[in-house]
N, C-alpha and C. Protein backbone atom coordinates (compact mmCIF):
# COMPACT_ATOMS: atom_id res chain seq x y z
N MET A 1 0.84 -1.18 0.00
CA MET A 1 0.00 0.00 0.00
C MET A 1 0.88 1.24 0.00
N PRO A 2 0.50 2.25 -0.78
CA PRO A 2 1.28 3.48 -0.80
C PRO A 2 1.11 4.26 0.50
N ASN A 3 2.15 5.00 0.85
CA ASN A 3 2.12 5.74 2.10
C ASN A 3 1.90 7.23 1.91
N THR A 4 2.54 7.81 0.91
CA THR A 4 2.41 9.25 0.72
C THR A 4 1.15 9.58 -0.08
N ARG A 5 0.72 10.85 0.04
CA ARG A 5 -0.49 11.26 -0.67
C ARG A 5 -0.31 11.17 -2.19
N SER A 6 0.87 11.55 -2.65
CA SER A 6 1.11 11.50 -4.10
C SER A 6 1.11 10.06 -4.61
N ALA A 7 1.64 9.15 -3.79
CA ALA A 7 1.65 7.74 -4.19
C ALA A 7 0.24 7.17 -4.23
N ILE A 8 -0.60 7.63 -3.32
CA ILE A 8 -2.00 7.17 -3.31
C ILE A 8 -2.71 7.65 -4.58
N ARG A 9 -2.47 8.92 -4.94
CA ARG A 9 -3.07 9.45 -6.16
C ARG A 9 -2.55 8.71 -7.39
N GLN A 10 -1.26 8.43 -7.39
CA GLN A 10 -0.65 7.72 -8.52
C GLN A 10 -1.25 6.31 -8.66
N LEU A 11 -1.49 5.65 -7.53
CA LEU A 11 -2.11 4.33 -7.55
C LEU A 11 -3.50 4.40 -8.17
N ARG A 12 -4.26 5.42 -7.76
CA ARG A 12 -5.60 5.59 -8.32
C ARG A 12 -5.54 5.79 -9.83
N LYS A 13 -4.61 6.63 -10.28
CA LYS A 13 -4.47 6.87 -11.71
C LYS A 13 -4.06 5.61 -12.46
N SER A 14 -3.13 4.87 -11.89
CA SER A 14 -2.65 3.67 -12.58
C SER A 14 -3.75 2.61 -12.68
N LEU A 15 -4.60 2.52 -11.67
CA LEU A 15 -5.72 1.57 -11.74
C LEU A 15 -6.72 1.96 -12.82
N LYS A 16 -6.98 3.26 -12.94
CA LYS A 16 -7.89 3.73 -13.99
C LYS A 16 -7.30 3.45 -15.36
N ARG A 17 -6.01 3.75 -15.52
CA ARG A 17 -5.34 3.51 -16.80
C ARG A 17 -5.36 2.03 -17.15
N ARG A 18 -5.13 1.20 -16.15
CA ARG A 18 -5.11 -0.24 -16.38
C ARG A 18 -6.45 -0.72 -16.90
N GLU A 19 -7.53 -0.25 -16.28
CA GLU A 19 -8.87 -0.64 -16.73
C GLU A 19 -9.15 -0.15 -18.14
N ARG A 20 -8.74 1.09 -18.44
CA ARG A 20 -8.96 1.65 -19.76
C ARG A 20 -8.16 0.89 -20.81
N ASN A 21 -6.90 0.58 -20.49
CA ASN A 21 -6.06 -0.17 -21.43
C ASN A 21 -6.63 -1.56 -21.67
N LYS A 22 -7.12 -2.19 -20.60
CA LYS A 22 -7.70 -3.52 -20.72
C LYS A 22 -8.92 -3.50 -21.64
N MET A 23 -9.72 -2.45 -21.51
CA MET A 23 -10.91 -2.33 -22.34
C MET A 23 -10.54 -2.20 -23.82
N HIS A 24 -9.57 -1.33 -24.12
CA HIS A 24 -9.16 -1.13 -25.50
C HIS A 24 -8.52 -2.39 -26.09
N LYS A 25 -7.71 -3.07 -25.30
CA LYS A 25 -7.05 -4.28 -25.77
C LYS A 25 -8.07 -5.39 -26.05
N SER A 26 -9.05 -5.49 -25.18
CA SER A 26 -10.10 -6.49 -25.35
C SER A 26 -10.92 -6.20 -26.61
N ARG A 27 -11.22 -4.92 -26.84
CA ARG A 27 -11.96 -4.52 -28.04
C ARG A 27 -11.17 -4.87 -29.29
N MET A 28 -9.87 -4.61 -29.25
CA MET A 28 -9.01 -4.93 -30.39
C MET A 28 -9.02 -6.43 -30.67
N ARG A 29 -8.86 -7.22 -29.63
CA ARG A 29 -8.85 -8.68 -29.79
C ARG A 29 -10.18 -9.18 -30.35
N THR A 30 -11.28 -8.57 -29.93
CA THR A 30 -12.60 -8.97 -30.42
C THR A 30 -12.70 -8.71 -31.92
N PHE A 31 -12.24 -7.54 -32.37
CA PHE A 31 -12.32 -7.23 -33.80
C PHE A 31 -11.38 -8.12 -34.61
N ILE A 32 -10.24 -8.48 -34.04
CA ILE A 32 -9.33 -9.41 -34.72
C ILE A 32 -10.01 -10.77 -34.86
N LYS A 33 -10.71 -11.18 -33.81
CA LYS A 33 -11.43 -12.46 -33.84
C LYS A 33 -12.51 -12.43 -34.92
N TYR A 34 -13.26 -11.32 -35.00
CA TYR A 34 -14.29 -11.20 -36.04
C TYR A 34 -13.68 -11.30 -37.43
N ALA A 35 -12.53 -10.65 -37.60
CA ALA A 35 -11.86 -10.68 -38.91
C ALA A 35 -11.41 -12.09 -39.25
N ARG A 36 -10.84 -12.80 -38.29
CA ARG A 36 -10.40 -14.18 -38.53
C ARG A 36 -11.56 -15.08 -38.87
N GLU A 37 -12.70 -14.89 -38.19
CA GLU A 37 -13.88 -15.69 -38.48
C GLU A 37 -14.39 -15.40 -39.89
N ALA A 38 -14.38 -14.13 -40.27
CA ALA A 38 -14.84 -13.76 -41.61
C ALA A 38 -13.90 -14.32 -42.68
N LEU A 39 -12.60 -14.31 -42.39
CA LEU A 39 -11.63 -14.86 -43.34
C LEU A 39 -11.82 -16.37 -43.50
N SER A 40 -12.07 -17.06 -42.41
CA SER A 40 -12.22 -18.51 -42.50
C SER A 40 -13.57 -18.92 -43.10
N SER A 41 -14.55 -18.01 -43.08
CA SER A 41 -15.85 -18.34 -43.66
C SER A 41 -15.80 -18.38 -45.18
N GLY A 42 -14.87 -17.60 -45.76
CA GLY A 42 -14.74 -17.61 -47.21
C GLY A 42 -15.52 -16.53 -47.92
N ASP A 43 -16.31 -15.75 -47.19
CA ASP A 43 -17.08 -14.66 -47.79
C ASP A 43 -16.15 -13.45 -47.97
N VAL A 44 -15.84 -13.12 -49.22
CA VAL A 44 -14.83 -12.09 -49.51
C VAL A 44 -15.29 -10.71 -49.04
N GLU A 45 -16.53 -10.35 -49.35
CA GLU A 45 -17.02 -9.01 -48.98
C GLU A 45 -17.02 -8.82 -47.47
N ARG A 46 -17.51 -9.81 -46.76
CA ARG A 46 -17.54 -9.74 -45.30
C ARG A 46 -16.13 -9.69 -44.73
N ALA A 47 -15.22 -10.45 -45.32
CA ALA A 47 -13.84 -10.48 -44.85
C ALA A 47 -13.15 -9.14 -45.07
N ILE A 48 -13.40 -8.52 -46.22
CA ILE A 48 -12.79 -7.21 -46.49
C ILE A 48 -13.24 -6.19 -45.46
N GLU A 49 -14.53 -6.16 -45.19
CA GLU A 49 -15.06 -5.21 -44.21
C GLU A 49 -14.54 -5.50 -42.80
N ALA A 50 -14.48 -6.76 -42.43
CA ALA A 50 -14.01 -7.12 -41.09
C ALA A 50 -12.53 -6.79 -40.90
N VAL A 51 -11.73 -7.05 -41.91
CA VAL A 51 -10.29 -6.73 -41.82
C VAL A 51 -10.09 -5.23 -41.77
N ARG A 52 -10.88 -4.50 -42.54
CA ARG A 52 -10.77 -3.04 -42.54
C ARG A 52 -11.08 -2.48 -41.15
N MET A 53 -12.14 -2.98 -40.54
CA MET A 53 -12.51 -2.52 -39.19
C MET A 53 -11.45 -2.93 -38.16
N ALA A 54 -10.94 -4.15 -38.29
CA ALA A 54 -9.92 -4.62 -37.35
C ALA A 54 -8.66 -3.76 -37.46
N CYS A 55 -8.25 -3.43 -38.67
CA CYS A 55 -7.06 -2.60 -38.85
C CYS A 55 -7.27 -1.22 -38.25
N ARG A 56 -8.48 -0.70 -38.37
CA ARG A 56 -8.79 0.60 -37.79
C ARG A 56 -8.66 0.56 -36.27
N VAL A 57 -9.21 -0.47 -35.66
CA VAL A 57 -9.16 -0.59 -34.20
C VAL A 57 -7.72 -0.84 -33.74
N ILE A 58 -6.98 -1.63 -34.50
CA ILE A 58 -5.58 -1.89 -34.16
C ILE A 58 -4.78 -0.59 -34.20
N ASP A 59 -5.01 0.22 -35.23
CA ASP A 59 -4.31 1.51 -35.34
C ASP A 59 -4.64 2.43 -34.16
N LYS A 60 -5.90 2.46 -33.79
CA LYS A 60 -6.30 3.31 -32.66
C LYS A 60 -5.65 2.84 -31.37
N THR A 61 -5.61 1.53 -31.17
CA THR A 61 -5.00 0.99 -29.97
C THR A 61 -3.51 1.30 -29.93
N ALA A 62 -2.85 1.22 -31.06
CA ALA A 62 -1.42 1.53 -31.12
C ALA A 62 -1.17 3.01 -30.91
N SER A 63 -2.04 3.85 -31.43
CA SER A 63 -1.84 5.29 -31.29
C SER A 63 -2.00 5.74 -29.84
N LYS A 64 -2.78 5.00 -29.06
CA LYS A 64 -2.94 5.32 -27.65
C LYS A 64 -1.79 4.78 -26.81
N GLY A 65 -0.90 4.01 -27.43
CA GLY A 65 0.25 3.48 -26.70
C GLY A 65 -0.05 2.22 -25.92
N ILE A 66 -1.17 1.59 -26.19
CA ILE A 66 -1.55 0.38 -25.47
C ILE A 66 -0.78 -0.82 -26.00
N ILE A 67 -0.57 -0.86 -27.31
CA ILE A 67 0.32 -1.85 -27.90
C ILE A 67 1.41 -1.11 -28.67
N LYS A 68 2.51 -1.80 -28.92
CA LYS A 68 3.62 -1.18 -29.63
C LYS A 68 3.32 -1.11 -31.12
N PRO A 69 3.92 -0.14 -31.81
CA PRO A 69 3.65 0.00 -33.25
C PRO A 69 4.00 -1.25 -34.06
N ASN A 70 5.08 -1.93 -33.71
CA ASN A 70 5.44 -3.13 -34.46
C ASN A 70 4.45 -4.26 -34.24
N THR A 71 3.88 -4.34 -33.05
CA THR A 71 2.85 -5.34 -32.77
C THR A 71 1.63 -5.06 -33.63
N ALA A 72 1.25 -3.80 -33.72
CA ALA A 72 0.11 -3.43 -34.56
C ALA A 72 0.39 -3.77 -36.02
N ALA A 73 1.60 -3.48 -36.47
CA ALA A 73 1.95 -3.79 -37.86
C ALA A 73 1.91 -5.28 -38.12
N ARG A 74 2.35 -6.07 -37.15
CA ARG A 74 2.34 -7.53 -37.31
C ARG A 74 0.91 -8.05 -37.41
N TYR A 75 0.02 -7.58 -36.52
CA TYR A 75 -1.38 -8.01 -36.57
C TYR A 75 -2.00 -7.66 -37.93
N LYS A 76 -1.80 -6.42 -38.36
CA LYS A 76 -2.38 -5.97 -39.61
C LYS A 76 -1.82 -6.73 -40.80
N SER A 77 -0.51 -7.00 -40.76
CA SER A 77 0.13 -7.72 -41.85
C SER A 77 -0.43 -9.12 -41.98
N ARG A 78 -0.58 -9.80 -40.87
CA ARG A 78 -1.09 -11.18 -40.92
C ARG A 78 -2.52 -11.23 -41.42
N LEU A 79 -3.35 -10.28 -40.96
CA LEU A 79 -4.73 -10.25 -41.44
C LEU A 79 -4.78 -9.93 -42.94
N THR A 80 -3.96 -8.98 -43.36
CA THR A 80 -3.95 -8.59 -44.77
C THR A 80 -3.46 -9.72 -45.66
N ASN A 81 -2.45 -10.45 -45.20
CA ASN A 81 -1.95 -11.59 -45.98
C ASN A 81 -3.04 -12.64 -46.17
N ARG A 82 -3.75 -12.94 -45.10
CA ARG A 82 -4.83 -13.92 -45.21
C ARG A 82 -5.94 -13.42 -46.12
N LEU A 83 -6.22 -12.12 -46.05
CA LEU A 83 -7.25 -11.54 -46.92
C LEU A 83 -6.83 -11.64 -48.38
N ASN A 84 -5.57 -11.33 -48.66
CA ASN A 84 -5.09 -11.40 -50.04
C ASN A 84 -5.14 -12.82 -50.58
N LYS A 85 -4.81 -13.81 -49.73
CA LYS A 85 -4.91 -15.21 -50.16
C LYS A 85 -6.35 -15.58 -50.48
N LEU A 86 -7.28 -15.09 -49.64
CA LEU A 86 -8.70 -15.38 -49.87
C LEU A 86 -9.17 -14.75 -51.17
N ILE A 87 -8.75 -13.52 -51.43
CA ILE A 87 -9.17 -12.82 -52.64
C ILE A 87 -8.62 -13.51 -53.88
N THR A 88 -7.34 -13.91 -53.84
CA THR A 88 -6.77 -14.57 -55.02
C THR A 88 -7.41 -15.94 -55.26
N SER A 89 -7.68 -16.67 -54.18
CA SER A 89 -8.32 -17.97 -54.36
C SER A 89 -9.75 -17.81 -54.88
N ALA A 90 -10.45 -16.76 -54.44
CA ALA A 90 -11.80 -16.52 -54.93
C ALA A 90 -11.80 -16.09 -56.39
N SER A 91 -10.80 -15.31 -56.78
CA SER A 91 -10.76 -14.86 -58.18
C SER A 91 -10.35 -16.00 -59.12
N GLN A 92 -9.53 -16.92 -58.64
CA GLN A 92 -9.13 -18.07 -59.46
C GLN A 92 -10.28 -19.07 -59.61
N ALA A 93 -11.16 -19.11 -58.60
CA ALA A 93 -12.27 -20.05 -58.64
C ALA A 93 -13.32 -19.63 -59.66
N THR A 94 -13.42 -18.33 -59.93
CA THR A 94 -14.46 -17.87 -60.87
C THR A 94 -13.96 -17.76 -62.28
């Protein structure tokens, strides 16, 4: 437990930040999950929209400093690669 008044205030701030960061990270993971589900379903239009939304949320999370920029780039790159594979396989099928 903190002893000084400033340490008590700092603890309060850090707990609030932790909850806020947890909320944003959870939201990001949810959108990534939606994108992965859309990619595995095979529906190209739905997958494009889901990946676009996931990339947007990933960028916002990275801009707030909750995840590192390289982590955001890695998530976006993997989703985009899977989307491109889906698009090429769908175009070859038709």
